[in-house]
Amino acid sequence: MPNDKIRIEKIRAYGYHGVFPHEKSQGQNFYVSLTLALNLQDAGKSDDLEQTVNYAAVVARVVEIVSARPGFNLIEALAEKIAASLLRDFPRIDTIDVEIHKPEAPIPTPFGDVIVSVSRTRENL
């Protein structure tokens, strides 16, 4: 099987995830990066959208999940939900890597970003 991938970086969505009440009520920006592993050979040969994954639909699904209320306590749970949903809703995806960025996490020390990454396959469903 080919080692083909689609990478979508830093999808921005406003969400209400976190363990603190102000995170659940006020919300903050989250950024989601995805690596979708799937066979792109047929799409490349046919130039047909039906032979690949429509990344606009993938992005819309991610924004829907991140923006949904109530939010999760942990971005680990958010990443798990995104991975499972995309694998379920887009059957051409074989493996997915989901990276959640939470740059506004309530940490009292200056920092650049908090990132959680998960990798899932169809067998994980």
PDB file of N, CA and C in Angstrom:
ATOM      1  N   MET A   1       0.847  -1.186   0.000  1.00  0.00           N
ATOM      2  CA  MET A   1       0.000   0.000   0.000  1.00  0.00           C
ATOM      3  C   MET A   1       0.889   1.244   0.000  1.00  0.00           C
ATOM      4  N   PRO A   2       0.535   2.245  -0.772  1.00  0.00           N
ATOM      5  CA  PRO A   2       1.329   3.479  -0.813  1.00  0.00           C
ATOM      6  C   PRO A   2       1.344   4.195   0.546  1.00  0.00           C
ATOM      7  N   ASN A   3       2.343   4.992   0.745  1.00  0.00           N
ATOM      8  CA  ASN A   3       2.482   5.788   1.964  1.00  0.00           C
ATOM      9  C   ASN A   3       2.009   7.219   1.692  1.00  0.00           C
ATOM     10  N   ASP A   4       0.783   7.360   1.222  1.00  0.00           N
ATOM     11  CA  ASP A   4       0.245   8.661   0.833  1.00  0.00           C
ATOM     12  C   ASP A   4      -0.387   9.353   2.040  1.00  0.00           C
ATOM     13  N   LYS A   5      -0.312  10.689   2.028  1.00  0.00           N
ATOM     14  CA  LYS A   5      -0.837  11.457   3.150  1.00  0.00           C
ATOM     15  C   LYS A   5      -1.417  12.786   2.673  1.00  0.00           C
ATOM     16  N   ILE A   6      -2.412  13.238   3.406  1.00  0.00           N
ATOM     17  CA  ILE A   6      -2.916  14.605   3.290  1.00  0.00           C
ATOM     18  C   ILE A   6      -2.669  15.254   4.642  1.00  0.00           C
ATOM     19  N   ARG A   7      -2.052  16.400   4.627  1.00  0.00           N
ATOM     20  CA  ARG A   7      -1.756  17.144   5.872  1.00  0.00           C
ATOM     21  C   ARG A   7      -2.564  18.443   5.855  1.00  0.00           C
ATOM     22  N   ILE A   8      -3.307  18.680   6.930  1.00  0.00           N
ATOM     23  CA  ILE A   8      -4.059  19.920   7.113  1.00  0.00           C
ATOM     24  C   ILE A   8      -3.562  20.529   8.415  1.00  0.00           C
ATOM     25  N   GLU A   9      -3.044  21.733   8.342  1.00  0.00           N
ATOM     26  CA  GLU A   9      -2.389  22.313   9.515  1.00  0.00           C
ATOM     27  C   GLU A   9      -3.160  23.482  10.109  1.00  0.00           C
ATOM     28  N   LYS A  10      -3.206  23.465  11.424  1.00  0.00           N
ATOM     29  CA  LYS A  10      -3.697  24.560  12.266  1.00  0.00           C
ATOM     30  C   LYS A  10      -5.075  25.077  11.878  1.00  0.00           C
ATOM     31  N   ILE A  11      -6.026  24.163  11.857  1.00  0.00           N
ATOM     32  CA  ILE A  11      -7.432  24.532  11.716  1.00  0.00           C
ATOM     33  C   ILE A  11      -7.801  25.291  12.992  1.00  0.00           C
ATOM     34  N   ARG A  12      -8.261  26.505  12.854  1.00  0.00           N
ATOM     35  CA  ARG A  12      -8.596  27.299  14.039  1.00  0.00           C
ATOM     36  C   ARG A  12     -10.082  27.194  14.324  1.00  0.00           C
ATOM     37  N   ALA A  13     -10.395  26.894  15.584  1.00  0.00           N
ATOM     38  CA  ALA A  13     -11.788  26.827  16.018  1.00  0.00           C
ATOM     39  C   ALA A  13     -11.865  27.281  17.467  1.00  0.00           C
ATOM     40  N   TYR A  14     -12.967  27.917  17.801  1.00  0.00           N
ATOM     41  CA  TYR A  14     -13.181  28.395  19.159  1.00  0.00           C
ATOM     42  C   TYR A  14     -13.924  27.318  19.926  1.00  0.00           C
ATOM     43  N   GLY A  15     -13.362  26.936  21.080  1.00  0.00           N
ATOM     44  CA  GLY A  15     -13.960  25.866  21.857  1.00  0.00           C
ATOM     45  C   GLY A  15     -13.965  26.156  23.342  1.00  0.00           C
ATOM     46  N   TYR A  16     -14.617  25.280  24.083  1.00  0.00           N
ATOM     47  CA  TYR A  16     -14.848  25.464  25.517  1.00  0.00           C
ATOM     48  C   TYR A  16     -14.326  24.265  26.296  1.00  0.00           C
ATOM     49  N   HIS A  17     -13.067  23.932  26.067  1.00  0.00           N
ATOM     50  CA  HIS A  17     -12.457  22.754  26.670  1.00  0.00           C
ATOM     51  C   HIS A  17     -11.465  23.170  27.739  1.00  0.00           C
ATOM     52  N   GLY A  18     -11.507  22.460  28.849  1.00  0.00           N
ATOM     53  CA  GLY A  18     -10.585  22.725  29.945  1.00  0.00           C
ATOM     54  C   GLY A  18     -11.206  22.319  31.263  1.00  0.00           C
ATOM     55  N   VAL A  19     -10.376  22.235  32.285  1.00  0.00           N
ATOM     56  CA  VAL A  19     -10.857  21.802  33.593  1.00  0.00           C
ATOM     57  C   VAL A  19     -11.363  22.965  34.448  1.00  0.00           C
ATOM     58  N   PHE A  20     -11.025  24.197  34.080  1.00  0.00           N
ATOM     59  CA  PHE A  20     -11.423  25.350  34.878  1.00  0.00           C
ATOM     60  C   PHE A  20     -12.744  25.935  34.366  1.00  0.00           C
ATOM     61  N   PRO A  21     -13.582  26.417  35.290  1.00  0.00           N
ATOM     62  CA  PRO A  21     -14.884  26.963  34.881  1.00  0.00           C
ATOM     63  C   PRO A  21     -14.786  28.073  33.831  1.00  0.00           C
ATOM     64  N   HIS A  22     -13.792  28.946  33.932  1.00  0.00           N
ATOM     65  CA  HIS A  22     -13.695  30.036  32.953  1.00  0.00           C
ATOM     66  C   HIS A  22     -13.364  29.514  31.548  1.00  0.00           C
ATOM     67  N   GLU A  23     -12.683  28.387  31.463  1.00  0.00           N
ATOM     68  CA  GLU A  23     -12.410  27.801  30.149  1.00  0.00           C
ATOM     69  C   GLU A  23     -13.709  27.289  29.516  1.00  0.00           C
ATOM     70  N   LYS A  24     -14.575  26.736  30.339  1.00  0.00           N
ATOM     71  CA  LYS A  24     -15.848  26.206  29.841  1.00  0.00           C
ATOM     72  C   LYS A  24     -16.836  27.325  29.508  1.00  0.00           C
ATOM     73  N   SER A  25     -16.752  28.453  30.219  1.00  0.00           N
ATOM     74  CA  SER A  25     -17.713  29.536  29.976  1.00  0.00           C
ATOM     75  C   SER A  25     -17.218  30.556  28.949  1.00  0.00           C
ATOM     76  N   GLN A  26     -15.941  30.910  29.010  1.00  0.00           N
ATOM     77  CA  GLN A  26     -15.414  31.945  28.116  1.00  0.00           C
ATOM     78  C   GLN A  26     -14.831  31.374  26.833  1.00  0.00           C
ATOM     79  N   GLY A  27     -14.280  30.182  26.892  1.00  0.00           N
ATOM     80  CA  GLY A  27     -13.696  29.553  25.724  1.00  0.00           C
ATOM     81  C   GLY A  27     -12.369  30.158  25.306  1.00  0.00           C
ATOM     82  N   GLN A  28     -11.805  29.600  24.250  1.00  0.00           N
ATOM     83  CA  GLN A  28     -10.521  30.049  23.717  1.00  0.00           C
ATOM     84  C   GLN A  28     -10.295  29.403  22.351  1.00  0.00           C
ATOM     85  N   ASN A  29      -9.277  29.889  21.655  1.00  0.00           N
ATOM     86  CA  ASN A  29      -8.915  29.320  20.358  1.00  0.00           C
ATOM     87  C   ASN A  29      -8.159  28.012  20.532  1.00  0.00           C
ATOM     88  N   PHE A  30      -8.507  27.065  19.690  1.00  0.00           N
ATOM     89  CA  PHE A  30      -7.778  25.805  19.579  1.00  0.00           C
ATOM     90  C   PHE A  30      -7.348  25.665  18.129  1.00  0.00           C
ATOM     91  N   TYR A  31      -6.236  24.997  17.918  1.00  0.00           N
ATOM     92  CA  TYR A  31      -5.724  24.746  16.573  1.00  0.00           C
ATOM     93  C   TYR A  31      -5.535  23.242  16.422  1.00  0.00           C
ATOM     94  N   VAL A  32      -6.037  22.713  15.332  1.00  0.00           N
ATOM     95  CA  VAL A  32      -5.974  21.275  15.084  1.00  0.00           C
ATOM     96  C   VAL A  32      -5.215  21.032  13.796  1.00  0.00           C
ATOM     97  N   SER A  33      -4.210  20.177  13.875  1.00  0.00           N
ATOM     98  CA  SER A  33      -3.471  19.742  12.690  1.00  0.00           C
ATOM     99  C   SER A  33      -3.726  18.251  12.490  1.00  0.00           C
ATOM    100  N   LEU A  34      -3.882  17.864  11.243  1.00  0.00           N
ATOM    101  CA  LEU A  34      -4.210  16.479  10.907  1.00  0.00           C
ATOM    102  C   LEU A  34      -3.243  15.928   9.864  1.00  0.00           C
ATOM    103  N   THR A  35      -2.927  14.672  10.010  1.00  0.00           N
ATOM    104  CA  THR A  35      -2.283  13.925   8.942  1.00  0.00           C
ATOM    105  C   THR A  35      -3.181  12.732   8.653  1.00  0.00           C
ATOM    106  N   LEU A  36      -3.695  12.682   7.440  1.00  0.00           N
ATOM    107  CA  LEU A  36      -4.580  11.616   7.006  1.00  0.00           C
ATOM    108  C   LEU A  36      -3.798  10.691   6.087  1.00  0.00           C
ATOM    109  N   ALA A  37      -3.695   9.430   6.448  1.00  0.00           N
ATOM    110  CA  ALA A  37      -3.019   8.451   5.599  1.00  0.00           C
ATOM    111  C   ALA A  37      -4.077   7.650   4.843  1.00  0.00           C
ATOM    112  N   LEU A  38      -3.956   7.662   3.531  1.00  0.00           N
ATOM    113  CA  LEU A  38      -4.888   6.950   2.670  1.00  0.00           C
ATOM    114  C   LEU A  38      -4.237   6.760   1.311  1.00  0.00           C
ATOM    115  N   ASN A  39      -4.791   5.859   0.547  1.00  0.00           N
ATOM    116  CA  ASN A  39      -4.269   5.611  -0.789  1.00  0.00           C
ATOM    117  C   ASN A  39      -4.788   6.696  -1.738  1.00  0.00           C
ATOM    118  N   LEU A  40      -3.885   7.489  -2.269  1.00  0.00           N
ATOM    119  CA  LEU A  40      -4.244   8.585  -3.169  1.00  0.00           C
ATOM    120  C   LEU A  40      -3.986   8.265  -4.634  1.00  0.00           C
ATOM    121  N   GLN A  41      -3.588   7.036  -4.920  1.00  0.00           N
ATOM    122  CA  GLN A  41      -3.217   6.671  -6.283  1.00  0.00           C
ATOM    123  C   GLN A  41      -4.389   6.810  -7.256  1.00  0.00           C
ATOM    124  N   ASP A  42      -5.558   6.301  -6.887  1.00  0.00           N
ATOM    125  CA  ASP A  42      -6.715   6.398  -7.789  1.00  0.00           C
ATOM    126  C   ASP A  42      -7.115   7.847  -8.019  1.00  0.00           C
ATOM    127  N   ALA A  43      -7.080   8.662  -6.976  1.00  0.00           N
ATOM    128  CA  ALA A  43      -7.404  10.087  -7.126  1.00  0.00           C
ATOM    129  C   ALA A  43      -6.400  10.776  -8.039  1.00  0.00           C
ATOM    130  N   GLY A  44      -5.133  10.435  -7.876  1.00  0.00           N
ATOM    131  CA  GLY A  44      -4.097  11.031  -8.714  1.00  0.00           C
ATOM    132  C   GLY A  44      -4.241  10.662 -10.178  1.00  0.00           C
ATOM    133  N   LYS A  45      -4.641   9.438 -10.432  1.00  0.00           N
ATOM    134  CA  LYS A  45      -4.813   8.986 -11.819  1.00  0.00           C
ATOM    135  C   LYS A  45      -6.100   9.510 -12.444  1.00  0.00           C
ATOM    136  N   SER A  46      -7.166   9.579 -11.660  1.00  0.00           N
ATOM    137  CA  SER A  46      -8.471   9.936 -12.216  1.00  0.00           C
ATOM    138  C   SER A  46      -8.799  11.425 -12.115  1.00  0.00           C
ATOM    139  N   ASP A  47      -8.105  12.144 -11.218  1.00  0.00           N
ATOM    140  CA  ASP A  47      -8.409  13.561 -10.964  1.00  0.00           C
ATOM    141  C   ASP A  47      -9.862  13.720 -10.516  1.00  0.00           C
ATOM    142  N   ASP A  48     -10.336  12.775  -9.683  1.00  0.00           N
ATOM    143  CA  ASP A  48     -11.727  12.711  -9.254  1.00  0.00           C
ATOM    144  C   ASP A  48     -11.806  12.850  -7.731  1.00  0.00           C
ATOM    145  N   LEU A  49     -12.529  13.851  -7.275  1.00  0.00           N
ATOM    146  CA  LEU A  49     -12.681  14.113  -5.843  1.00  0.00           C
ATOM    147  C   LEU A  49     -13.257  12.915  -5.099  1.00  0.00           C
ATOM    148  N   GLU A  50     -14.096  12.137  -5.751  1.00  0.00           N
ATOM    149  CA  GLU A  50     -14.709  10.967  -5.099  1.00  0.00           C
ATOM    150  C   GLU A  50     -13.676   9.900  -4.731  1.00  0.00           C
ATOM    151  N   GLN A  51     -12.479   9.972  -5.296  1.00  0.00           N
ATOM    152  CA  GLN A  51     -11.436   8.987  -5.042  1.00  0.00           C
ATOM    153  C   GLN A  51     -10.490   9.395  -3.911  1.00  0.00           C
ATOM    154  N   THR A  52     -10.808  10.487  -3.233  1.00  0.00           N
ATOM    155  CA  THR A  52      -9.962  10.978  -2.141  1.00  0.00           C
ATOM    156  C   THR A  52     -10.869  11.424  -1.006  1.00  0.00           C
ATOM    157  N   VAL A  53     -10.353  12.253  -0.122  1.00  0.00           N
ATOM    158  CA  VAL A  53     -11.120  12.810   0.987  1.00  0.00           C
ATOM    159  C   VAL A  53     -11.275  14.303   0.728  1.00  0.00           C
ATOM    160  N   ASN A  54     -12.490  14.775   0.816  1.00  0.00           N
ATOM    161  CA  ASN A  54     -12.759  16.196   0.635  1.00  0.00           C
ATOM    162  C   ASN A  54     -12.292  16.928   1.884  1.00  0.00           C
ATOM    163  N   TYR A  55     -11.170  17.662   1.778  1.00  0.00           N
ATOM    164  CA  TYR A  55     -10.635  18.278   2.993  1.00  0.00           C
ATOM    165  C   TYR A  55     -11.479  19.417   3.510  1.00  0.00           C
ATOM    166  N   ALA A  56     -12.299  20.024   2.687  1.00  0.00           N
ATOM    167  CA  ALA A  56     -13.234  21.033   3.201  1.00  0.00           C
ATOM    168  C   ALA A  56     -14.237  20.378   4.149  1.00  0.00           C
ATOM    169  N   ALA A  57     -14.700  19.185   3.809  1.00  0.00           N
ATOM    170  CA  ALA A  57     -15.622  18.457   4.688  1.00  0.00           C
ATOM    171  C   ALA A  57     -14.922  18.008   5.972  1.00  0.00           C
ATOM    172  N   VAL A  58     -13.664  17.607   5.860  1.00  0.00           N
ATOM    173  CA  VAL A  58     -12.890  17.221   7.044  1.00  0.00           C
ATOM    174  C   VAL A  58     -12.742  18.423   7.984  1.00  0.00           C
ATOM    175  N   VAL A  59     -12.366  19.560   7.436  1.00  0.00           N
ATOM    176  CA  VAL A  59     -12.190  20.768   8.246  1.00  0.00           C
ATOM    177  C   VAL A  59     -13.508  21.169   8.904  1.00  0.00           C
ATOM    178  N   ALA A  60     -14.594  21.118   8.172  1.00  0.00           N
ATOM    179  CA  ALA A  60     -15.901  21.468   8.732  1.00  0.00           C
ATOM    180  C   ALA A  60     -16.252  20.554   9.903  1.00  0.00           C
ATOM    181  N   ARG A  61     -15.960  19.266   9.775  1.00  0.00           N
ATOM    182  CA  ARG A  61     -16.244  18.310  10.865  1.00  0.00           C
ATOM    183  C   ARG A  61     -15.394  18.619  12.089  1.00  0.00           C
ATOM    184  N   VAL A  62     -14.120  18.952  11.889  1.00  0.00           N
ATOM    185  CA  VAL A  62     -13.245  19.300  13.012  1.00  0.00           C
ATOM    186  C   VAL A  62     -13.772  20.542  13.733  1.00  0.00           C
ATOM    187  N   VAL A  63     -14.129  21.567  12.983  1.00  0.00           N
ATOM    188  CA  VAL A  63     -14.648  22.799  13.589  1.00  0.00           C
ATOM    189  C   VAL A  63     -15.930  22.499  14.368  1.00  0.00           C
ATOM    190  N   GLU A  64     -16.784  21.674  13.817  1.00  0.00           N
ATOM    191  CA  GLU A  64     -18.027  21.292  14.500  1.00  0.00           C
ATOM    192  C   GLU A  64     -17.730  20.625  15.851  1.00  0.00           C
ATOM    193  N   ILE A  65     -16.772  19.715  15.869  1.00  0.00           N
ATOM    194  CA  ILE A  65     -16.424  18.997  17.106  1.00  0.00           C
ATOM    195  C   ILE A  65     -15.789  19.939  18.121  1.00  0.00           C
ATOM    196  N   VAL A  66     -14.832  20.742  17.689  1.00  0.00           N
ATOM    197  CA  VAL A  66     -14.137  21.647  18.613  1.00  0.00           C
ATOM    198  C   VAL A  66     -15.106  22.667  19.196  1.00  0.00           C
ATOM    199  N   SER A  67     -16.045  23.146  18.398  1.00  0.00           N
ATOM    200  CA  SER A  67     -16.970  24.205  18.823  1.00  0.00           C
ATOM    201  C   SER A  67     -18.150  23.696  19.644  1.00  0.00           C
ATOM    202  N   ALA A  68     -18.371  22.389  19.652  1.00  0.00           N
ATOM    203  CA  ALA A  68     -19.545  21.825  20.329  1.00  0.00           C
ATOM    204  C   ALA A  68     -19.481  22.054  21.839  1.00  0.00           C
ATOM    205  N   ARG A  69     -20.653  22.241  22.409  1.00  0.00           N
ATOM    206  CA  ARG A  69     -20.763  22.367  23.857  1.00  0.00           C
ATOM    207  C   ARG A  69     -21.627  21.239  24.373  1.00  0.00           C
ATOM    208  N   PRO A  70     -21.403  20.720  25.562  1.00  0.00           N
ATOM    209  CA  PRO A  70     -20.332  21.137  26.451  1.00  0.00           C
ATOM    210  C   PRO A  70     -18.989  20.631  25.955  1.00  0.00           C
ATOM    211  N   GLY A  71     -17.947  21.304  26.374  1.00  0.00           N
ATOM    212  CA  GLY A  71     -16.604  20.920  25.974  1.00  0.00           C
ATOM    213  C   GLY A  71     -16.060  19.793  26.843  1.00  0.00           C
ATOM    214  N   PHE A  72     -14.921  19.307  26.450  1.00  0.00           N
ATOM    215  CA  PHE A  72     -14.224  18.274  27.214  1.00  0.00           C
ATOM    216  C   PHE A  72     -13.359  18.923  28.287  1.00  0.00           C
ATOM    217  N   ASN A  73     -13.073  18.185  29.336  1.00  0.00           N
ATOM    218  CA  ASN A  73     -12.105  18.647  30.328  1.00  0.00           C
ATOM    219  C   ASN A  73     -10.698  18.615  29.739  1.00  0.00           C
ATOM    220  N   LEU A  74     -10.385  17.571  29.002  1.00  0.00           N
ATOM    221  CA  LEU A  74      -9.024  17.340  28.509  1.00  0.00           C
ATOM    222  C   LEU A  74      -8.956  17.442  26.989  1.00  0.00           C
ATOM    223  N   ILE A  75      -7.884  18.035  26.498  1.00  0.00           N
ATOM    224  CA  ILE A  75      -7.714  18.054  25.042  1.00  0.00           C
ATOM    225  C   ILE A  75      -7.349  16.659  24.521  1.00  0.00           C
ATOM    226  N   GLU A  76      -6.909  15.777  25.405  1.00  0.00           N
ATOM    227  CA  GLU A  76      -6.711  14.386  25.017  1.00  0.00           C
ATOM    228  C   GLU A  76      -8.043  13.773  24.573  1.00  0.00           C
ATOM    229  N   ALA A  77      -9.118  14.084  25.310  1.00  0.00           N
ATOM    230  CA  ALA A  77     -10.452  13.574  24.958  1.00  0.00           C
ATOM    231  C   ALA A  77     -10.950  14.208  23.656  1.00  0.00           C
ATOM    232  N   LEU A  78     -10.657  15.484  23.470  1.00  0.00           N
ATOM    233  CA  LEU A  78     -11.016  16.164  22.223  1.00  0.00           C
ATOM    234  C   LEU A  78     -10.308  15.508  21.037  1.00  0.00           C
ATOM    235  N   ALA A  79      -9.023  15.227  21.183  1.00  0.00           N
ATOM    236  CA  ALA A  79      -8.261  14.577  20.109  1.00  0.00           C
ATOM    237  C   ALA A  79      -8.832  13.197  19.791  1.00  0.00           C
ATOM    238  N   GLU A  80      -9.196  12.464  20.826  1.00  0.00           N
ATOM    239  CA  GLU A  80      -9.775  11.129  20.633  1.00  0.00           C
ATOM    240  C   GLU A  80     -11.097  11.211  19.875  1.00  0.00           C
ATOM    241  N   LYS A  81     -11.929  12.169  20.225  1.00  0.00           N
ATOM    242  CA  LYS A  81     -13.227  12.362  19.559  1.00  0.00           C
ATOM    243  C   LYS A  81     -13.032  12.710  18.082  1.00  0.00           C
ATOM    244  N   ILE A  82     -12.089  13.606  17.794  1.00  0.00           N
ATOM    245  CA  ILE A  82     -11.828  13.989  16.409  1.00  0.00           C
ATOM    246  C   ILE A  82     -11.344  12.787  15.604  1.00  0.00           C
ATOM    247  N   ALA A  83     -10.389  12.052  16.149  1.00  0.00           N
ATOM    248  CA  ALA A  83      -9.841  10.891  15.439  1.00  0.00           C
ATOM    249  C   ALA A  83     -10.932   9.866  15.140  1.00  0.00           C
ATOM    250  N   ALA A  84     -11.724   9.509  16.143  1.00  0.00           N
ATOM    251  CA  ALA A  84     -12.770   8.501  15.963  1.00  0.00           C
ATOM    252  C   ALA A  84     -13.826   8.976  14.970  1.00  0.00           C
ATOM    253  N   SER A  85     -14.205  10.223  15.063  1.00  0.00           N
ATOM    254  CA  SER A  85     -15.235  10.763  14.176  1.00  0.00           C
ATOM    255  C   SER A  85     -14.774  10.774  12.721  1.00  0.00           C
ATOM    256  N   LEU A  86     -13.558  11.222  12.483  1.00  0.00           N
ATOM    257  CA  LEU A  86     -13.062  11.291  11.105  1.00  0.00           C
ATOM    258  C   LEU A  86     -12.857   9.897  10.516  1.00  0.00           C
ATOM    259  N   LEU A  87     -12.364   8.965  11.310  1.00  0.00           N
ATOM    260  CA  LEU A  87     -12.222   7.596  10.811  1.00  0.00           C
ATOM    261  C   LEU A  87     -13.584   6.991  10.482  1.00  0.00           C
ATOM    262  N   ARG A  88     -14.578   7.295  11.297  1.00  0.00           N
ATOM    263  CA  ARG A  88     -15.926   6.767  11.072  1.00  0.00           C
ATOM    264  C   ARG A  88     -16.589   7.434   9.859  1.00  0.00           C
ATOM    265  N   ASP A  89     -16.464   8.759   9.759  1.00  0.00           N
ATOM    266  CA  ASP A  89     -17.192   9.517   8.730  1.00  0.00           C
ATOM    267  C   ASP A  89     -16.516   9.527   7.363  1.00  0.00           C
ATOM    268  N   PHE A  90     -15.229   9.226   7.317  1.00  0.00           N
ATOM    269  CA  PHE A  90     -14.474   9.252   6.058  1.00  0.00           C
ATOM    270  C   PHE A  90     -13.774   7.904   5.881  1.00  0.00           C
ATOM    271  N   PRO A  91     -14.473   6.930   5.309  1.00  0.00           N
ATOM    272  CA  PRO A  91     -13.953   5.560   5.256  1.00  0.00           C
ATOM    273  C   PRO A  91     -12.686   5.378   4.424  1.00  0.00           C
ATOM    274  N   ARG A  92     -12.310   6.335   3.609  1.00  0.00           N
ATOM    275  CA  ARG A  92     -11.063   6.214   2.841  1.00  0.00           C
ATOM    276  C   ARG A  92      -9.824   6.403   3.720  1.00  0.00           C
ATOM    277  N   ILE A  93      -9.982   7.066   4.863  1.00  0.00           N
ATOM    278  CA  ILE A  93      -8.843   7.304   5.764  1.00  0.00           C
ATOM    279  C   ILE A  93      -8.485   5.994   6.450  1.00  0.00           C
ATOM    280  N   ASP A  94      -7.222   5.593   6.333  1.00  0.00           N
ATOM    281  CA  ASP A  94      -6.728   4.375   6.990  1.00  0.00           C
ATOM    282  C   ASP A  94      -6.175   4.675   8.382  1.00  0.00           C
ATOM    283  N   THR A  95      -5.411   5.751   8.470  1.00  0.00           N
ATOM    284  CA  THR A  95      -4.758   6.146   9.715  1.00  0.00           C
ATOM    285  C   THR A  95      -4.853   7.655   9.840  1.00  0.00           C
ATOM    286  N   ILE A  96      -4.981   8.130  11.070  1.00  0.00           N
ATOM    287  CA  ILE A  96      -5.061   9.568  11.291  1.00  0.00           C
ATOM    288  C   ILE A  96      -4.178   9.961  12.466  1.00  0.00           C
ATOM    289  N   ASP A  97      -3.476  11.062  12.299  1.00  0.00           N
ATOM    290  CA  ASP A  97      -2.744  11.700  13.388  1.00  0.00           C
ATOM    291  C   ASP A  97      -3.445  13.019  13.659  1.00  0.00           C
ATOM    292  N   VAL A  98      -3.816  13.235  14.914  1.00  0.00           N
ATOM    293  CA  VAL A  98      -4.500  14.460  15.325  1.00  0.00           C
ATOM    294  C   VAL A  98      -3.617  15.171  16.331  1.00  0.00           C
ATOM    295  N   GLU A  99      -3.400  16.439  16.093  1.00  0.00           N
ATOM    296  CA  GLU A  99      -2.577  17.268  16.969  1.00  0.00           C
ATOM    297  C   GLU A  99      -3.431  18.456  17.409  1.00  0.00           C
ATOM    298  N   ILE A 100      -3.635  18.594  18.714  1.00  0.00           N
ATOM    299  CA  ILE A 100      -4.415  19.697  19.259  1.00  0.00           C
ATOM    300  C   ILE A 100      -3.455  20.690  19.904  1.00  0.00           C
ATOM    301  N   HIS A 101      -3.563  21.941  19.493  1.00  0.00           N
ATOM    302  CA  HIS A 101      -2.763  23.028  20.069  1.00  0.00           C
ATOM    303  C   HIS A 101      -3.673  23.866  20.969  1.00  0.00           C
ATOM    304  N   LYS A 102      -3.205  24.132  22.176  1.00  0.00           N
ATOM    305  CA  LYS A 102      -3.940  24.972  23.123  1.00  0.00           C
ATOM    306  C   LYS A 102      -2.990  26.069  23.617  1.00  0.00           C
ATOM    307  N   PRO A 103      -2.747  27.072  22.773  1.00  0.00           N
ATOM    308  CA  PRO A 103      -1.748  28.085  23.114  1.00  0.00           C
ATOM    309  C   PRO A 103      -2.154  29.029  24.238  1.00  0.00           C
ATOM    310  N   GLU A 104      -3.443  29.049  24.575  1.00  0.00           N
ATOM    311  CA  GLU A 104      -3.918  29.933  25.641  1.00  0.00           C
ATOM    312  C   GLU A 104      -4.221  29.165  26.923  1.00  0.00           C
ATOM    313  N   ALA A 105      -3.611  28.007  27.087  1.00  0.00           N
ATOM    314  CA  ALA A 105      -3.851  27.198  28.288  1.00  0.00           C
ATOM    315  C   ALA A 105      -3.520  28.018  29.533  1.00  0.00           C
ATOM    316  N   PRO A 106      -4.304  27.843  30.594  1.00  0.00           N
ATOM    317  CA  PRO A 106      -4.088  28.626  31.810  1.00  0.00           C
ATOM    318  C   PRO A 106      -2.896  28.112  32.623  1.00  0.00           C
ATOM    319  N   ILE A 107      -1.722  28.457  32.160  1.00  0.00           N
ATOM    320  CA  ILE A 107      -0.476  28.088  32.834  1.00  0.00           C
ATOM    321  C   ILE A 107       0.181  29.390  33.281  1.00  0.00           C
ATOM    322  N   PRO A 108       0.525  29.511  34.568  1.00  0.00           N
ATOM    323  CA  PRO A 108       1.030  30.796  35.066  1.00  0.00           C
ATOM    324  C   PRO A 108       2.428  31.177  34.575  1.00  0.00           C
ATOM    325  N   THR A 109       3.175  30.245  34.047  1.00  0.00           N
ATOM    326  CA  THR A 109       4.523  30.509  33.554  1.00  0.00           C
ATOM    327  C   THR A 109       4.466  30.739  32.047  1.00  0.00           C
ATOM    328  N   PRO A 110       5.205  31.695  31.507  1.00  0.00           N
ATOM    329  CA  PRO A 110       5.207  31.896  30.054  1.00  0.00           C
ATOM    330  C   PRO A 110       5.601  30.613  29.313  1.00  0.00           C
ATOM    331  N   PHE A 111       4.872  30.329  28.230  1.00  0.00           N
ATOM    332  CA  PHE A 111       5.132  29.144  27.420  1.00  0.00           C
ATOM    333  C   PHE A 111       4.674  29.421  25.997  1.00  0.00           C
ATOM    334  N   GLY A 112       5.093  28.602  25.062  1.00  0.00           N
ATOM    335  CA  GLY A 112       4.738  28.800  23.662  1.00  0.00           C
ATOM    336  C   GLY A 112       3.445  28.130  23.255  1.00  0.00           C
ATOM    337  N   ASP A 113       3.220  26.891  23.695  1.00  0.00           N
ATOM    338  CA  ASP A 113       2.067  26.132  23.249  1.00  0.00           C
ATOM    339  C   ASP A 113       1.966  24.862  24.079  1.00  0.00           C
ATOM    340  N   VAL A 114       0.766  24.342  24.195  1.00  0.00           N
ATOM    341  CA  VAL A 114       0.529  23.007  24.728  1.00  0.00           C
ATOM    342  C   VAL A 114      -0.041  22.200  23.571  1.00  0.00           C
ATOM    343  N   ILE A 115       0.554  21.042  23.315  1.00  0.00           N
ATOM    344  CA  ILE A 115       0.153  20.223  22.171  1.00  0.00           C
ATOM    345  C   ILE A 115      -0.045  18.785  22.632  1.00  0.00           C
ATOM    346  N   VAL A 116      -1.162  18.201  22.239  1.00  0.00           N
ATOM    347  CA  VAL A 116      -1.418  16.783  22.456  1.00  0.00           C
ATOM    348  C   VAL A 116      -1.563  16.145  21.089  1.00  0.00           C
ATOM    349  N   SER A 117      -0.906  15.007  20.885  1.00  0.00           N
ATOM    350  CA  SER A 117      -0.976  14.290  19.611  1.00  0.00           C
ATOM    351  C   SER A 117      -1.433  12.861  19.847  1.00  0.00           C
ATOM    352  N   VAL A 118      -2.346  12.394  18.996  1.00  0.00           N
ATOM    353  CA  VAL A 118      -2.753  10.990  19.018  1.00  0.00           C
ATOM    354  C   VAL A 118      -2.704  10.443  17.597  1.00  0.00           C
ATOM    355  N   SER A 119      -2.426   9.154  17.494  1.00  0.00           N
ATOM    356  CA  SER A 119      -2.446   8.443  16.211  1.00  0.00           C
ATOM    357  C   SER A 119      -3.412   7.282  16.349  1.00  0.00           C
ATOM    358  N   ARG A 120      -4.320   7.171  15.382  1.00  0.00           N
ATOM    359  CA  ARG A 120      -5.316   6.104  15.424  1.00  0.00           C
ATOM    360  C   ARG A 120      -5.476   5.480  14.039  1.00  0.00           C
ATOM    361  N   THR A 121      -5.873   4.211  14.048  1.00  0.00           N
ATOM    362  CA  THR A 121      -6.138   3.482  12.817  1.00  0.00           C
ATOM    363  C   THR A 121      -7.560   2.948  12.875  1.00  0.00           C
ATOM    364  N   ARG A 122      -8.023   2.393  11.782  1.00  0.00           N
ATOM    365  CA  ARG A 122      -9.361   1.808  11.747  1.00  0.00           C
ATOM    366  C   ARG A 122      -9.533   0.726  12.816  1.00  0.00           C
ATOM    367  N   GLU A 123      -8.468   0.012  13.125  1.00  0.00           N
ATOM    368  CA  GLU A 123      -8.544  -1.049  14.123  1.00  0.00           C
ATOM    369  C   GLU A 123      -8.824  -0.482  15.515  1.00  0.00           C
ATOM    370  N   ASN A 124      -8.562   0.809  15.748  1.00  0.00           N
ATOM    371  CA  ASN A 124      -8.811   1.439  17.036  1.00  0.00           C
ATOM    372  C   ASN A 124     -10.267   1.809  17.254  1.00  0.00           C
ATOM    373  N   LEU A 125     -11.094   1.731  16.193  1.00  0.00           N
ATOM    374  CA  LEU A 125     -12.509   2.135  16.331  1.00  0.00           C
ATOM    375  C   LEU A 125     -13.279   1.202  17.251  1.00  0.00           C
TER     376      LEU A 125
END
